[in-house]
């Protein structure tokens, strides 16, 4: 999505625009959630 704005500007000669809106949150699977929490705790312990 980050490259899309510059590509759109190039293709449309600066006249194109788009709007990005939040859609929804999704629940993270338990195993991935545990890894995220562990990583956050490790980062917090380092600082």
N, C-alpha and C. Protein backbone atom coordinates (compact mmCIF):
# COMPACT_ATOMS: atom_id res chain seq x y z
N UNK A 1 0.81 -1.19 0.00
CA UNK A 1 0.00 0.00 0.00
C UNK A 1 0.86 1.26 0.00
N UNK A 2 2.05 1.17 0.56
CA UNK A 2 2.88 2.37 0.65
C UNK A 2 3.35 2.82 -0.73
N UNK A 3 3.59 1.90 -1.62
CA UNK A 3 4.01 2.25 -2.98
C UNK A 3 2.84 2.67 -3.86
N UNK A 4 1.64 2.31 -3.46
CA UNK A 4 0.48 2.56 -4.29
C UNK A 4 0.25 4.05 -4.53
N UNK A 5 0.43 4.87 -3.51
CA UNK A 5 0.19 6.31 -3.66
C UNK A 5 1.11 6.92 -4.71
N UNK A 6 2.39 6.57 -4.67
CA UNK A 6 3.31 7.14 -5.66
C UNK A 6 3.04 6.58 -7.05
N UNK A 7 2.68 5.32 -7.14
CA UNK A 7 2.35 4.72 -8.44
C UNK A 7 1.10 5.37 -9.02
N UNK A 8 0.10 5.57 -8.18
CA UNK A 8 -1.14 6.20 -8.64
C UNK A 8 -0.88 7.62 -9.13
N UNK A 9 -0.04 8.35 -8.41
CA UNK A 9 0.30 9.71 -8.82
C UNK A 9 0.99 9.71 -10.17
N UNK A 10 1.91 8.78 -10.37
CA UNK A 10 2.64 8.69 -11.64
C UNK A 10 1.70 8.34 -12.80
N UNK A 11 0.86 7.36 -12.59
CA UNK A 11 -0.02 6.86 -13.65
C UNK A 11 -1.08 7.89 -14.03
N UNK A 12 -1.57 8.65 -13.06
CA UNK A 12 -2.67 9.58 -13.34
C UNK A 12 -2.20 11.02 -13.53
N UNK A 13 -0.90 11.23 -13.57
CA UNK A 13 -0.39 12.59 -13.74
C UNK A 13 -0.69 13.49 -12.56
N UNK A 14 -0.77 12.91 -11.37
CA UNK A 14 -1.01 13.70 -10.16
C UNK A 14 -2.46 13.95 -9.84
N UNK A 15 -3.37 13.40 -10.63
CA UNK A 15 -4.79 13.66 -10.41
C UNK A 15 -5.51 12.56 -9.65
N UNK A 16 -4.90 11.38 -9.55
CA UNK A 16 -5.54 10.28 -8.85
C UNK A 16 -5.35 10.37 -7.35
N UNK A 17 -6.30 9.85 -6.62
CA UNK A 17 -6.19 9.81 -5.17
C UNK A 17 -6.90 8.57 -4.66
N UNK A 18 -6.54 8.18 -3.44
CA UNK A 18 -7.20 7.06 -2.81
C UNK A 18 -7.26 7.31 -1.32
N UNK A 19 -8.15 6.62 -0.66
CA UNK A 19 -8.30 6.74 0.79
C UNK A 19 -8.25 5.35 1.39
N UNK A 20 -7.47 5.22 2.42
CA UNK A 20 -7.33 3.95 3.10
C UNK A 20 -8.11 4.02 4.40
N UNK A 21 -9.03 3.11 4.60
CA UNK A 21 -9.81 3.10 5.82
C UNK A 21 -9.67 1.76 6.53
N UNK A 22 -9.71 1.81 7.85
CA UNK A 22 -9.61 0.62 8.67
C UNK A 22 -10.84 -0.24 8.47
N UNK A 23 -10.64 -1.54 8.34
CA UNK A 23 -11.75 -2.46 8.14
C UNK A 23 -12.14 -3.14 9.44
N UNK A 24 -11.21 -3.89 10.04
CA UNK A 24 -11.55 -4.65 11.24
C UNK A 24 -10.29 -5.23 11.90
N UNK A 25 -10.47 -5.66 13.12
CA UNK A 25 -9.44 -6.43 13.81
C UNK A 25 -9.79 -7.90 13.68
N UNK A 26 -8.77 -8.74 13.69
CA UNK A 26 -8.99 -10.18 13.72
C UNK A 26 -8.21 -10.75 14.89
N UNK A 27 -8.75 -11.77 15.50
CA UNK A 27 -8.08 -12.40 16.63
C UNK A 27 -6.84 -13.15 16.14
N UNK A 28 -5.76 -12.99 16.88
CA UNK A 28 -4.51 -13.66 16.56
C UNK A 28 -4.58 -15.08 17.10
N UNK A 29 -4.14 -16.07 16.33
CA UNK A 29 -4.09 -17.43 16.86
C UNK A 29 -3.24 -17.50 18.13
N UNK A 30 -3.58 -18.38 19.05
CA UNK A 30 -2.95 -18.45 20.37
C UNK A 30 -1.43 -18.60 20.29
N UNK A 31 -0.94 -19.47 19.43
CA UNK A 31 0.51 -19.69 19.34
C UNK A 31 1.24 -18.43 18.89
N UNK A 32 0.68 -17.73 17.94
CA UNK A 32 1.30 -16.49 17.46
C UNK A 32 1.21 -15.42 18.54
N UNK A 33 0.09 -15.35 19.24
CA UNK A 33 -0.09 -14.40 20.33
C UNK A 33 0.95 -14.60 21.42
N UNK A 34 1.24 -15.85 21.75
CA UNK A 34 2.25 -16.15 22.76
C UNK A 34 3.62 -15.65 22.33
N UNK A 35 3.95 -15.83 21.05
CA UNK A 35 5.24 -15.34 20.54
C UNK A 35 5.32 -13.82 20.60
N UNK A 36 4.22 -13.15 20.30
CA UNK A 36 4.19 -11.69 20.35
C UNK A 36 4.42 -11.20 21.78
N UNK A 37 3.73 -11.84 22.73
CA UNK A 37 3.86 -11.45 24.14
C UNK A 37 5.29 -11.70 24.62
N UNK A 38 5.85 -12.86 24.27
CA UNK A 38 7.22 -13.17 24.67
C UNK A 38 8.20 -12.14 24.11
N UNK A 39 8.02 -11.77 22.85
CA UNK A 39 8.89 -10.78 22.23
C UNK A 39 8.77 -9.41 22.89
N UNK A 40 7.56 -9.03 23.25
CA UNK A 40 7.35 -7.74 23.91
C UNK A 40 7.98 -7.73 25.30
N UNK A 41 7.84 -8.84 26.01
CA UNK A 41 8.46 -8.92 27.34
C UNK A 41 9.98 -8.87 27.25
N UNK A 42 10.55 -9.55 26.25
CA UNK A 42 12.00 -9.54 26.06
C UNK A 42 12.49 -8.14 25.71
N UNK A 43 11.76 -7.44 24.87
CA UNK A 43 12.14 -6.08 24.49
C UNK A 43 12.05 -5.14 25.69
N UNK A 44 11.03 -5.33 26.51
CA UNK A 44 10.85 -4.49 27.69
C UNK A 44 11.96 -4.75 28.71
N UNK A 45 12.40 -6.00 28.84
CA UNK A 45 13.46 -6.35 29.77
C UNK A 45 14.79 -5.72 29.35
N UNK A 46 15.01 -5.55 28.05
CA UNK A 46 16.24 -4.96 27.54
C UNK A 46 16.32 -3.46 27.79
N UNK A 47 15.16 -2.81 27.91
CA UNK A 47 15.19 -1.35 28.05
C UNK A 47 15.07 -0.91 29.49
